[in-house]
């Protein structure tokens, strides 16, 4: 399930089936990417909040054309910054 938090900019994704998680995340990233391309200055930030919950957001903290994935504090209690990996 994809819920819109902020139209075109931030989405909440929740699913229990791993295949559905992948499908829903891909759809949310594509929606956010379309908005980011229109702005031409932001990238995409995917944050894992838990085993089955994520946010996908257009973010000025991510360079244009890139997607940053990170673990949220709820997933890694001892690591408030989260682990990050970049992909383009």
C-alpha atoms as a PDB file:
ATOM      1  CA  UNK A   1       0.000   0.000   0.000  1.00  0.00           C
ATOM      2  CA  UNK A   2       1.290   3.438  -0.961  1.00  0.00           C
ATOM      3  CA  UNK A   3      -0.049   6.432   0.955  1.00  0.00           C
ATOM      4  CA  UNK A   4       0.709   9.987  -0.058  1.00  0.00           C
ATOM      5  CA  UNK A   5       2.140  12.085   2.752  1.00  0.00           C
ATOM      6  CA  UNK A   6       2.905  15.151   0.613  1.00  0.00           C
ATOM      7  CA  UNK A   7       1.571  15.138  -2.952  1.00  0.00           C
ATOM      8  CA  UNK A   8       4.334  14.384  -5.445  1.00  0.00           C
ATOM      9  CA  UNK A   9       7.055  14.627  -2.810  1.00  0.00           C
ATOM     10  CA  UNK A  10       6.660  12.080   0.001  1.00  0.00           C
ATOM     11  CA  UNK A  11       5.115   8.609   0.106  1.00  0.00           C
ATOM     12  CA  UNK A  12       4.641   5.982   2.813  1.00  0.00           C
ATOM     13  CA  UNK A  13       4.979   2.368   1.649  1.00  0.00           C
ATOM     14  CA  UNK A  14       3.833  -0.613   3.708  1.00  0.00           C
ATOM     15  CA  UNK A  15       3.620  -4.272   2.660  1.00  0.00           C
ATOM     16  CA  UNK A  16       4.289  -7.646   4.258  1.00  0.00           C
ATOM     17  CA  UNK A  17       5.014  -9.703   1.131  1.00  0.00           C
ATOM     18  CA  UNK A  18       8.619  -9.142  -0.100  1.00  0.00           C
ATOM     19  CA  UNK A  19       7.523  -9.139  -3.746  1.00  0.00           C
ATOM     20  CA  UNK A  20       4.857  -6.572  -2.982  1.00  0.00           C
ATOM     21  CA  UNK A  21       7.359  -4.424  -1.073  1.00  0.00           C
ATOM     22  CA  UNK A  22       9.596  -4.311  -4.148  1.00  0.00           C
ATOM     23  CA  UNK A  23       6.682  -3.484  -6.453  1.00  0.00           C
ATOM     24  CA  UNK A  24       5.283  -0.774  -4.169  1.00  0.00           C
ATOM     25  CA  UNK A  25       8.699   0.796  -3.548  1.00  0.00           C
ATOM     26  CA  UNK A  26       9.421   0.885  -7.268  1.00  0.00           C
ATOM     27  CA  UNK A  27       6.089   2.588  -7.923  1.00  0.00           C
ATOM     28  CA  UNK A  28       6.654   5.169  -5.168  1.00  0.00           C
ATOM     29  CA  UNK A  29      10.205   5.883  -6.368  1.00  0.00           C
ATOM     30  CA  UNK A  30       8.939   6.380  -9.915  1.00  0.00           C
ATOM     31  CA  UNK A  31       6.271   8.832  -8.726  1.00  0.00           C
ATOM     32  CA  UNK A  32       8.851  10.756  -6.692  1.00  0.00           C
ATOM     33  CA  UNK A  33      11.355  10.645  -9.588  1.00  0.00           C
ATOM     34  CA  UNK A  34       8.826  12.260 -11.928  1.00  0.00           C
ATOM     35  CA  UNK A  35       8.405  15.151  -9.502  1.00  0.00           C
ATOM     36  CA  UNK A  36      12.168  15.434  -8.944  1.00  0.00           C
ATOM     37  CA  UNK A  37      12.756  15.592 -12.721  1.00  0.00           C
ATOM     38  CA  UNK A  38      10.266  18.465 -12.987  1.00  0.00           C
ATOM     39  CA  UNK A  39      12.130  20.402 -10.272  1.00  0.00           C
ATOM     40  CA  UNK A  40      15.556  19.501 -11.645  1.00  0.00           C
ATOM     41  CA  UNK A  41      17.408  19.973  -8.358  1.00  0.00           C
ATOM     42  CA  UNK A  42      16.476  17.151  -5.966  1.00  0.00           C
ATOM     43  CA  UNK A  43      17.173  13.446  -5.648  1.00  0.00           C
ATOM     44  CA  UNK A  44      15.197  10.623  -4.029  1.00  0.00           C
ATOM     45  CA  UNK A  45      15.570   9.458  -0.424  1.00  0.00           C
ATOM     46  CA  UNK A  46      14.233   5.997   0.518  1.00  0.00           C
ATOM     47  CA  UNK A  47      14.137   5.371   4.272  1.00  0.00           C
ATOM     48  CA  UNK A  48      13.438   1.981   5.813  1.00  0.00           C
ATOM     49  CA  UNK A  49      11.449   2.573   8.987  1.00  0.00           C
ATOM     50  CA  UNK A  50      10.843  -1.089   9.833  1.00  0.00           C
ATOM     51  CA  UNK A  51      10.765  -4.508   8.231  1.00  0.00           C
ATOM     52  CA  UNK A  52       7.658  -3.665   6.228  1.00  0.00           C
ATOM     53  CA  UNK A  53       7.502   0.148   6.231  1.00  0.00           C
ATOM     54  CA  UNK A  54       9.364   2.762   4.184  1.00  0.00           C
ATOM     55  CA  UNK A  55       9.162   6.381   3.134  1.00  0.00           C
ATOM     56  CA  UNK A  56      10.120   7.624  -0.322  1.00  0.00           C
ATOM     57  CA  UNK A  57      10.757  11.353  -0.611  1.00  0.00           C
ATOM     58  CA  UNK A  58      12.023  13.974  -3.018  1.00  0.00           C
ATOM     59  CA  UNK A  59      14.905  15.480  -1.051  1.00  0.00           C
ATOM     60  CA  UNK A  60      17.174  18.486  -1.485  1.00  0.00           C
ATOM     61  CA  UNK A  61      19.714  16.563   0.638  1.00  0.00           C
ATOM     62  CA  UNK A  62      20.211  14.089  -2.223  1.00  0.00           C
ATOM     63  CA  UNK A  63      21.929  15.254  -5.431  1.00  0.00           C
ATOM     64  CA  UNK A  64      19.757  15.478  -8.534  1.00  0.00           C
ATOM     65  CA  UNK A  65      19.659  12.207 -10.466  1.00  0.00           C
ATOM     66  CA  UNK A  66      20.599  10.051  -7.473  1.00  0.00           C
ATOM     67  CA  UNK A  67      18.694   7.819  -5.074  1.00  0.00           C
ATOM     68  CA  UNK A  68      19.894   7.447  -1.481  1.00  0.00           C
ATOM     69  CA  UNK A  69      18.741   4.535   0.635  1.00  0.00           C
ATOM     70  CA  UNK A  70      19.040   4.622   4.415  1.00  0.00           C
ATOM     71  CA  UNK A  71      17.966   2.754   7.502  1.00  0.00           C
ATOM     72  CA  UNK A  72      15.742   4.832   9.770  1.00  0.00           C
ATOM     73  CA  UNK A  73      16.305   5.039  13.530  1.00  0.00           C
ATOM     74  CA  UNK A  74      13.353   2.684  14.167  1.00  0.00           C
ATOM     75  CA  UNK A  75      15.241  -0.106  12.355  1.00  0.00           C
ATOM     76  CA  UNK A  76      18.636   0.560  13.913  1.00  0.00           C
ATOM     77  CA  UNK A  77      18.100   1.967  17.432  1.00  0.00           C
ATOM     78  CA  UNK A  78      21.818   2.415  18.146  1.00  0.00           C
ATOM     79  CA  UNK A  79      22.442   4.265  14.890  1.00  0.00           C
ATOM     80  CA  UNK A  80      20.399   7.464  14.595  1.00  0.00           C
ATOM     81  CA  UNK A  81      22.159   8.415  11.349  1.00  0.00           C
ATOM     82  CA  UNK A  82      21.328   5.113   9.694  1.00  0.00           C
ATOM     83  CA  UNK A  83      23.391   3.222   7.151  1.00  0.00           C
ATOM     84  CA  UNK A  84      23.370   4.784   3.716  1.00  0.00           C
ATOM     85  CA  UNK A  85      24.062   3.523   0.220  1.00  0.00           C
ATOM     86  CA  UNK A  86      23.897   5.566  -2.975  1.00  0.00           C
ATOM     87  CA  UNK A  87      22.614   4.374  -6.301  1.00  0.00           C
ATOM     88  CA  UNK A  88      21.924   6.226  -9.524  1.00  0.00           C
END
